[in-house]
C-alpha atoms as a PDB file:
ATOM      1  CA  MET A   1     174.137  41.667 125.841  1.00  0.00           C
ATOM      2  CA  SER A   2     171.750  38.754 125.550  1.00  0.00           C
ATOM      3  CA  ALA A   3     168.518  39.844 123.952  1.00  0.00           C
ATOM      4  CA  PRO A   4     165.141  38.325 124.816  1.00  0.00           C
ATOM      5  CA  ASN A   5     163.036  37.371 121.803  1.00  0.00           C
ATOM      6  CA  TYR A   6     159.751  38.284 123.417  1.00  0.00           C
ATOM      7  CA  PHE A   7     158.031  40.439 125.983  1.00  0.00           C
ATOM      8  CA  GLU A   8     155.389  38.916 128.189  1.00  0.00           C
ATOM      9  CA  PHE A   9     152.820  40.142 130.634  1.00  0.00           C
ATOM     10  CA  LYS A  10     150.165  38.421 132.686  1.00  0.00           C
ATOM     11  CA  VAL A  11     146.784  39.705 133.775  1.00  0.00           C
ATOM     12  CA  ILE A  12     145.989  38.749 137.325  1.00  0.00           C
ATOM     13  CA  GLY A  13     142.430  38.890 138.522  1.00  0.00           C
ATOM     14  CA  ALA A  14     139.481  39.592 136.255  1.00  0.00           C
ATOM     15  CA  PRO A  15     137.129  37.074 137.937  1.00  0.00           C
ATOM     16  CA  GLU A  16     134.135  38.308 135.922  1.00  0.00           C
ATOM     17  CA  LEU A  17     135.940  37.574 132.678  1.00  0.00           C
ATOM     18  CA  ASP A  18     136.932  34.141 133.967  1.00  0.00           C
ATOM     19  CA  LYS A  19     133.291  33.344 134.746  1.00  0.00           C
ATOM     20  CA  VAL A  20     132.087  34.415 131.316  1.00  0.00           C
ATOM     21  CA  LEU A  21     134.828  32.525 129.486  1.00  0.00           C
ATOM     22  CA  ALA A  22     134.235  29.384 131.571  1.00  0.00           C
ATOM     23  CA  GLY A  23     130.756  29.146 130.037  1.00  0.00           C
ATOM     24  CA  LEU A  24     132.143  29.033 126.503  1.00  0.00           C
ATOM     25  CA  PRO A  25     133.650  26.108 124.616  1.00  0.00           C
ATOM     26  CA  VAL A  26     137.470  26.032 124.686  1.00  0.00           C
ATOM     27  CA  PRO A  27     137.978  27.076 121.010  1.00  0.00           C
ATOM     28  CA  PHE A  28     135.700  30.096 121.549  1.00  0.00           C
ATOM     29  CA  GLN A  29     137.552  30.990 124.741  1.00  0.00           C
ATOM     30  CA  ARG A  30     140.797  31.054 122.796  1.00  0.00           C
ATOM     31  CA  ARG A  31     139.301  33.191 120.011  1.00  0.00           C
ATOM     32  CA  MET A  32     137.825  35.667 122.487  1.00  0.00           C
ATOM     33  CA  LEU A  33     141.098  36.012 124.404  1.00  0.00           C
ATOM     34  CA  ILE A  34     143.096  36.508 121.214  1.00  0.00           C
ATOM     35  CA  GLY A  35     140.574  39.085 119.995  1.00  0.00           C
ATOM     36  CA  GLY A  36     140.849  40.945 123.302  1.00  0.00           C
ATOM     37  CA  MET A  37     144.646  40.831 123.184  1.00  0.00           C
ATOM     38  CA  LYS A  38     144.723  42.178 119.635  1.00  0.00           C
ATOM     39  CA  ARG A  39     142.483  45.085 120.583  1.00  0.00           C
ATOM     40  CA  ALA A  40     144.432  45.872 123.760  1.00  0.00           C
ATOM     41  CA  VAL A  41     147.856  46.004 122.079  1.00  0.00           C
ATOM     42  CA  LYS A  42     146.901  48.280 119.171  1.00  0.00           C
ATOM     43  CA  PRO A  43     148.470  51.323 120.913  1.00  0.00           C
ATOM     44  CA  ILE A  44     151.705  49.339 121.235  1.00  0.00           C
ATOM     45  CA  LEU A  45     151.572  48.431 117.544  1.00  0.00           C
ATOM     46  CA  LYS A  46     151.092  52.083 116.588  1.00  0.00           C
ATOM     47  CA  GLY A  47     154.007  53.076 118.827  1.00  0.00           C
ATOM     48  CA  PHE A  48     156.271  50.439 117.271  1.00  0.00           C
ATOM     49  CA  ARG A  49     155.419  51.694 113.805  1.00  0.00           C
ATOM     50  CA  LEU A  50     156.138  55.306 114.778  1.00  0.00           C
ATOM     51  CA  ALA A  51     159.446  54.462 116.461  1.00  0.00           C
ATOM     52  CA  ALA A  52     160.760  51.985 113.872  1.00  0.00           C
ATOM     53  CA  PRO A  53     163.959  53.006 112.098  1.00  0.00           C
ATOM     54  CA  VAL A  54     163.306  54.424 108.652  1.00  0.00           C
ATOM     55  CA  ASP A  55     164.667  52.610 105.639  1.00  0.00           C
ATOM     56  CA  SER A  56     162.571  52.401 102.505  1.00  0.00           C
ATOM     57  CA  GLY A  57     159.332  52.478 104.489  1.00  0.00           C
ATOM     58  CA  ASP A  58     158.587  48.796 104.013  1.00  0.00           C
ATOM     59  CA  ALA A  59     159.830  47.922 107.482  1.00  0.00           C
ATOM     60  CA  LYS A  60     157.177  49.993 109.245  1.00  0.00           C
ATOM     61  CA  LYS A  61     154.441  48.361 107.184  1.00  0.00           C
ATOM     62  CA  SER A  62     155.738  44.900 108.096  1.00  0.00           C
ATOM     63  CA  ILE A  63     155.187  45.445 111.837  1.00  0.00           C
ATOM     64  CA  LYS A  64     151.952  43.628 112.612  1.00  0.00           C
ATOM     65  CA  ILE A  65     150.098  41.678 115.255  1.00  0.00           C
ATOM     66  CA  ARG A  66     150.301  37.957 114.546  1.00  0.00           C
ATOM     67  CA  VAL A  67     148.609  35.035 116.296  1.00  0.00           C
ATOM     68  CA  VAL A  68     150.888  32.309 117.612  1.00  0.00           C
ATOM     69  CA  THR A  69     149.129  29.169 116.413  1.00  0.00           C
ATOM     70  CA  ARG A  70     151.426  26.553 117.930  1.00  0.00           C
ATOM     71  CA  SER A  71     151.004  27.646 121.493  1.00  0.00           C
ATOM     72  CA  LYS A  72     149.322  25.868 124.377  1.00  0.00           C
ATOM     73  CA  PHE A  73     147.898  29.177 125.562  1.00  0.00           C
ATOM     74  CA  PRO A  74     146.398  32.008 123.493  1.00  0.00           C
ATOM     75  CA  ALA A  75     149.324  34.159 122.381  1.00  0.00           C
ATOM     76  CA  ILE A  76     150.173  36.914 119.928  1.00  0.00           C
ATOM     77  CA  THR A  77     153.360  38.565 118.732  1.00  0.00           C
ATOM     78  CA  ILE A  78     153.962  42.119 117.614  1.00  0.00           C
ATOM     79  CA  GLY A  79     156.838  42.881 115.327  1.00  0.00           C
ATOM     80  CA  PRO A  80     158.249  42.884 111.829  1.00  0.00           C
ATOM     81  CA  ASP A  81     157.870  39.944 109.467  1.00  0.00           C
ATOM     82  CA  GLN A  82     160.692  37.598 108.480  1.00  0.00           C
ATOM     83  CA  GLU A  83     161.705  39.688 105.492  1.00  0.00           C
ATOM     84  CA  HIS A  84     162.586  42.577 107.805  1.00  0.00           C
ATOM     85  CA  TRP A  85     164.648  40.568 110.295  1.00  0.00           C
ATOM     86  CA  TYR A  86     167.404  43.163 110.177  1.00  0.00           C
ATOM     87  CA  LEU A  87     165.416  45.498 112.438  1.00  0.00           C
ATOM     88  CA  MET A  88     166.620  43.429 115.391  1.00  0.00           C
ATOM     89  CA  TYR A  89     170.142  44.730 114.749  1.00  0.00           C
ATOM     90  CA  SER A  90     168.951  48.234 115.436  1.00  0.00           C
ATOM     91  CA  GLU A  91     167.119  47.145 118.587  1.00  0.00           C
ATOM     92  CA  PHE A  92     169.859  44.993 120.127  1.00  0.00           C
ATOM     93  CA  GLY A  93     173.015  46.121 118.331  1.00  0.00           C
ATOM     94  CA  THR A  94     175.869  44.036 116.901  1.00  0.00           C
ATOM     95  CA  ALA A  95     179.582  43.729 117.512  1.00  0.00           C
ATOM     96  CA  ASN A  96     180.145  46.726 115.211  1.00  0.00           C
ATOM     97  CA  GLN A  97     176.983  48.726 115.848  1.00  0.00           C
ATOM     98  CA  PRO A  98     175.694  49.999 119.188  1.00  0.00           C
ATOM     99  CA  GLU A  99     172.149  49.194 120.189  1.00  0.00           C
ATOM    100  CA  ARG A 100     169.493  51.788 119.426  1.00  0.00           C
ATOM    101  CA  PRO A 101     166.372  50.402 121.065  1.00  0.00           C
ATOM    102  CA  TRP A 102     163.086  51.445 119.538  1.00  0.00           C
ATOM    103  CA  MET A 103     160.750  48.642 120.671  1.00  0.00           C
ATOM    104  CA  ARG A 104     161.621  48.416 124.348  1.00  0.00           C
ATOM    105  CA  PRO A 105     160.963  52.097 125.189  1.00  0.00           C
ATOM    106  CA  VAL A 106     157.556  51.925 123.499  1.00  0.00           C
ATOM    107  CA  TRP A 107     156.744  48.665 125.295  1.00  0.00           C
ATOM    108  CA  ASP A 108     157.793  50.066 128.689  1.00  0.00           C
ATOM    109  CA  MET A 109     155.647  53.146 128.176  1.00  0.00           C
ATOM    110  CA  ARG A 110     152.505  51.499 126.781  1.00  0.00           C
ATOM    111  CA  TRP A 111     152.195  48.013 128.266  1.00  0.00           C
ATOM    112  CA  PRO A 112     150.533  49.149 131.540  1.00  0.00           C
ATOM    113  CA  MET A 113     147.748  50.752 129.502  1.00  0.00           C
ATOM    114  CA  ALA A 114     147.387  47.606 127.375  1.00  0.00           C
ATOM    115  CA  ARG A 115     147.255  45.393 130.452  1.00  0.00           C
ATOM    116  CA  LEU A 116     144.560  47.536 132.036  1.00  0.00           C
ATOM    117  CA  SER A 117     142.464  47.670 128.870  1.00  0.00           C
ATOM    118  CA  PHE A 118     142.727  43.925 128.157  1.00  0.00           C
ATOM    119  CA  VAL A 119     139.658  42.933 130.210  1.00  0.00           C
ATOM    120  CA  LYS A 120     137.564  45.780 128.803  1.00  0.00           C
ATOM    121  CA  GLU A 121     138.616  45.001 125.239  1.00  0.00           C
ATOM    122  CA  THR A 122     137.939  41.273 125.695  1.00  0.00           C
ATOM    123  CA  PHE A 123     134.418  42.008 126.933  1.00  0.00           C
ATOM    124  CA  ALA A 124     133.891  44.341 123.964  1.00  0.00           C
ATOM    125  CA  HIS A 125     135.106  41.612 121.598  1.00  0.00           C
ATOM    126  CA  LEU A 126     132.755  39.105 123.267  1.00  0.00           C
ATOM    127  CA  GLU A 127     129.809  41.477 122.799  1.00  0.00           C
ATOM    128  CA  ASP A 128     130.687  42.081 119.138  1.00  0.00           C
ATOM    129  CA  GLN A 129     130.944  38.351 118.456  1.00  0.00           C
ATOM    130  CA  ALA A 130     127.669  37.664 120.298  1.00  0.00           C
ATOM    131  CA  LYS A 131     125.895  40.255 118.123  1.00  0.00           C
ATOM    132  CA  LYS A 132     127.307  38.682 114.968  1.00  0.00           C
ATOM    133  CA  MET A 133     126.268  35.201 116.077  1.00  0.00           C
ATOM    134  CA  LYS A 134     122.781  36.448 116.935  1.00  0.00           C
ATOM    135  CA  GLN A 135     122.409  37.969 113.460  1.00  0.00           C
ATOM    136  CA  LYS A 136     123.623  34.753 111.844  1.00  0.00           C
ATOM    137  CA  ALA A 137     121.289  32.671 113.994  1.00  0.00           C
ATOM    138  CA  TYR A 138     118.259  34.768 112.990  1.00  0.00           C
ATOM    139  CA  ALA A 139     119.295  34.587 109.340  1.00  0.00           C
ATOM    140  CA  GLY A 140     119.743  30.797 109.580  1.00  0.00           C
ATOM    141  CA  LYS A 141     123.419  31.029 108.615  1.00  0.00           C
ATOM    142  CA  LEU A 142     124.995  29.807 111.827  1.00  0.00           C
ATOM    143  CA  SER A 143     127.708  27.220 111.195  1.00  0.00           C
ATOM    144  CA  ARG A 144     127.382  23.661 112.477  1.00  0.00           C
ATOM    145  CA  PRO A 145     130.194  24.039 115.074  1.00  0.00           C
ATOM    146  CA  ALA A 146     128.621  27.262 116.333  1.00  0.00           C
ATOM    147  CA  ARG A 147     125.204  25.597 116.650  1.00  0.00           C
ATOM    148  CA  ARG A 148     126.803  22.686 118.504  1.00  0.00           C
ATOM    149  CA  ALA A 149     128.671  25.064 120.823  1.00  0.00           C
ATOM    150  CA  LEU A 150     125.465  26.912 121.640  1.00  0.00           C
ATOM    151  CA  GLY A 151     123.570  23.674 122.170  1.00  0.00           C
ATOM    152  CA  LEU A 152     121.209  24.210 119.218  1.00  0.00           C
END
């Protein structure tokens, strides 16, 4: 069986979010989208950690949300780190070992909830960041790129 190395989903719609993001500089748009994605997929992360095969316990701790930096579009991955690469054998099987999926069932069960909460979580992340920037602006500690982005 050929195994895909990633799962992907797209959010269609969300015109209000598009309007808000269009008013921000491109680097801030990317940061806000990644922040929203991270918040929306936390239930998936928790499910992966619960369903992961048990070895010494290190494998479950290695499952994290990571930002894909070399991507044209904002992207994240969820999964074990490189030291725990052997978990893929459990998920997809080998010639001598049958597959025992633990990621795919969690993904299938929880991705609709993550997709629906993405817009809400992105707006919440935007509000949190706006509050932080407001506090920094009043304290006079706003960075030069942030001042430039806000037109100050």
